[in-house]
Amino acid sequence: MNALYTILLLIGSNIFMTFAWYGHLKLHQMNISTNWPLIGIILFSWGIALAEYALQIPANRIGFEGNGGPFNLMQLKVIQEVISLIVFTVFTKVIFSGEALHWNHLAAFACLLLAVYFVFMKVD
């Protein structure tokens, strides 16, 4: 169950992270934050990032093998990166509908799947 909890927390964390990092760009496109000073955008994003950290930290603690979880540090990081890019791709397609998905993006995802394979491969 720790693996499932870890992955669910990482998904939630990455949703907040993506909104914190890129959501302000959509607000600007919608003329909501056009006149906000940069410090306002930063504080707004930090507020969202707080929720990210509230999920990311428990995910790593629950998932880390040193705390009884199923993953070592490299595995946790690769899982997080794959989830991050999947969430970002969905976010981009839904929120920024003008962004196209090209063959090279799919090739990059294939490389990520290879990274997952290699990081979970048993080595003696």
Protein backbone atom coordinates (compact mmCIF):
# COMPACT_ATOMS: atom_id res chain seq x y z
CA MET A 1 0.00 0.00 0.00
CA ASN A 2 2.94 2.37 0.62
CA ALA A 3 3.76 2.27 -3.09
CA LEU A 4 0.20 3.25 -4.00
CA TYR A 5 0.08 6.04 -1.38
CA THR A 6 3.44 7.33 -2.59
CA ILE A 7 2.35 7.44 -6.22
CA LEU A 8 -1.01 9.08 -5.41
CA LEU A 9 0.69 11.73 -3.27
CA LEU A 10 3.23 12.35 -6.02
CA ILE A 11 0.46 12.79 -8.58
CA GLY A 12 -1.30 15.31 -6.33
CA SER A 13 1.97 17.06 -5.59
CA ASN A 14 2.82 17.37 -9.27
CA ILE A 15 -0.61 18.77 -10.11
CA PHE A 16 -0.02 21.58 -7.61
CA MET A 17 3.58 22.02 -8.78
CA THR A 18 2.51 22.39 -12.40
CA PHE A 19 -0.13 24.96 -11.49
CA ALA A 20 2.39 26.85 -9.35
CA TRP A 21 5.03 26.90 -12.09
CA TYR A 22 2.84 27.42 -15.17
CA GLY A 23 -0.65 28.42 -14.04
CA HIS A 24 0.31 32.08 -13.81
CA LEU A 25 1.00 32.03 -17.54
CA LYS A 26 -2.62 31.09 -18.20
CA LEU A 27 -3.80 33.79 -15.77
CA HIS A 28 -1.78 36.27 -17.81
CA GLN A 29 -3.29 34.99 -21.08
CA MET A 30 -6.75 35.45 -19.57
CA ASN A 31 -5.85 39.04 -18.53
CA ILE A 32 -6.40 38.17 -14.86
CA SER A 33 -2.86 38.81 -13.66
CA THR A 34 -1.69 41.18 -16.38
CA ASN A 35 -1.20 44.07 -13.97
CA TRP A 36 0.13 42.06 -11.05
CA PRO A 37 3.68 42.91 -10.02
CA LEU A 38 6.22 40.10 -10.27
CA ILE A 39 6.28 39.75 -6.47
CA GLY A 40 2.51 39.16 -6.57
CA ILE A 41 2.94 36.37 -9.10
CA ILE A 42 5.72 34.85 -7.00
CA LEU A 43 3.65 34.96 -3.80
CA PHE A 44 0.63 33.52 -5.62
CA SER A 45 2.77 30.66 -6.95
CA TRP A 46 4.37 30.07 -3.55
CA GLY A 47 0.92 29.68 -2.05
CA ILE A 48 0.17 26.93 -4.54
CA ALA A 49 3.62 25.39 -4.06
CA LEU A 50 2.93 25.06 -0.33
CA ALA A 51 0.26 22.48 -1.19
CA GLU A 52 2.80 20.76 -3.43
CA TYR A 53 5.27 20.43 -0.55
CA ALA A 54 2.51 19.26 1.79
CA LEU A 55 2.08 16.26 -0.51
CA GLN A 56 5.64 15.78 -1.82
CA ILE A 57 7.31 15.46 1.58
CA PRO A 58 4.96 12.74 2.89
CA ALA A 59 5.20 10.92 -0.46
CA ASN A 60 8.99 10.72 -0.13
CA ARG A 61 8.85 9.74 3.54
CA ILE A 62 6.26 7.02 2.94
CA GLY A 63 7.93 5.73 -0.22
CA PHE A 64 11.56 5.72 0.92
CA GLU A 65 12.91 2.28 1.79
CA GLY A 66 14.80 3.76 4.75
CA ASN A 67 11.39 4.50 6.30
CA GLY A 68 9.87 1.14 5.43
CA GLY A 69 8.73 2.12 1.94
CA PRO A 70 9.28 0.18 -1.25
CA PHE A 71 11.54 2.60 -3.19
CA ASN A 72 15.17 3.68 -3.02
CA LEU A 73 16.08 7.33 -3.72
CA MET A 74 16.81 6.84 -7.42
CA GLN A 75 13.51 5.04 -7.93
CA LEU A 76 11.61 7.78 -6.08
CA LYS A 77 13.21 10.46 -8.24
CA VAL A 78 12.55 8.70 -11.53
CA ILE A 79 8.94 8.00 -10.54
CA GLN A 80 8.52 11.67 -9.61
CA GLU A 81 9.98 12.86 -12.92
CA VAL A 82 7.79 10.56 -15.00
CA ILE A 83 4.68 11.66 -13.09
CA SER A 84 5.77 15.28 -13.43
CA LEU A 85 6.05 15.04 -17.22
CA ILE A 86 2.76 13.16 -17.57
CA VAL A 87 0.96 15.75 -15.43
CA PHE A 88 2.64 18.56 -17.38
CA THR A 89 1.59 17.03 -20.71
CA VAL A 90 -2.05 16.67 -19.60
CA PHE A 91 -1.97 20.21 -18.15
CA THR A 92 -0.56 21.58 -21.38
CA LYS A 93 -3.13 19.82 -23.55
CA VAL A 94 -6.06 20.86 -21.32
CA ILE A 95 -5.09 24.37 -20.15
CA PHE A 96 -2.96 25.49 -23.12
CA SER A 97 -4.94 23.82 -25.88
CA GLY A 98 -2.81 25.41 -28.60
CA GLU A 99 0.25 23.33 -27.69
CA ALA A 100 0.82 20.38 -30.00
CA LEU A 101 2.20 16.95 -29.14
CA HIS A 102 4.80 15.86 -31.71
CA TRP A 103 6.66 12.62 -32.44
CA ASN A 104 9.75 13.80 -30.57
CA HIS A 105 7.66 14.25 -27.41
CA LEU A 106 6.52 10.64 -27.74
CA ALA A 107 10.13 9.56 -28.25
CA ALA A 108 11.06 11.41 -25.06
CA PHE A 109 8.31 9.55 -23.18
CA ALA A 110 9.66 6.27 -24.51
CA CYS A 111 13.06 7.24 -23.10
CA LEU A 112 11.41 7.92 -19.74
CA LEU A 113 9.85 4.48 -19.79
CA LEU A 114 13.31 3.07 -20.43
CA ALA A 115 14.59 5.09 -17.46
CA VAL A 116 11.91 3.49 -15.27
CA TYR A 117 12.87 0.06 -16.55
CA PHE A 118 16.55 0.59 -15.87
CA VAL A 119 16.13 2.16 -12.44
CA PHE A 120 13.97 -0.79 -11.29
CA MET A 121 16.21 -3.42 -12.93
CA LYS A 122 17.80 -5.76 -10.40
CA VAL A 123 21.59 -5.47 -10.42
CA ASP A 124 23.82 -7.87 -8.51
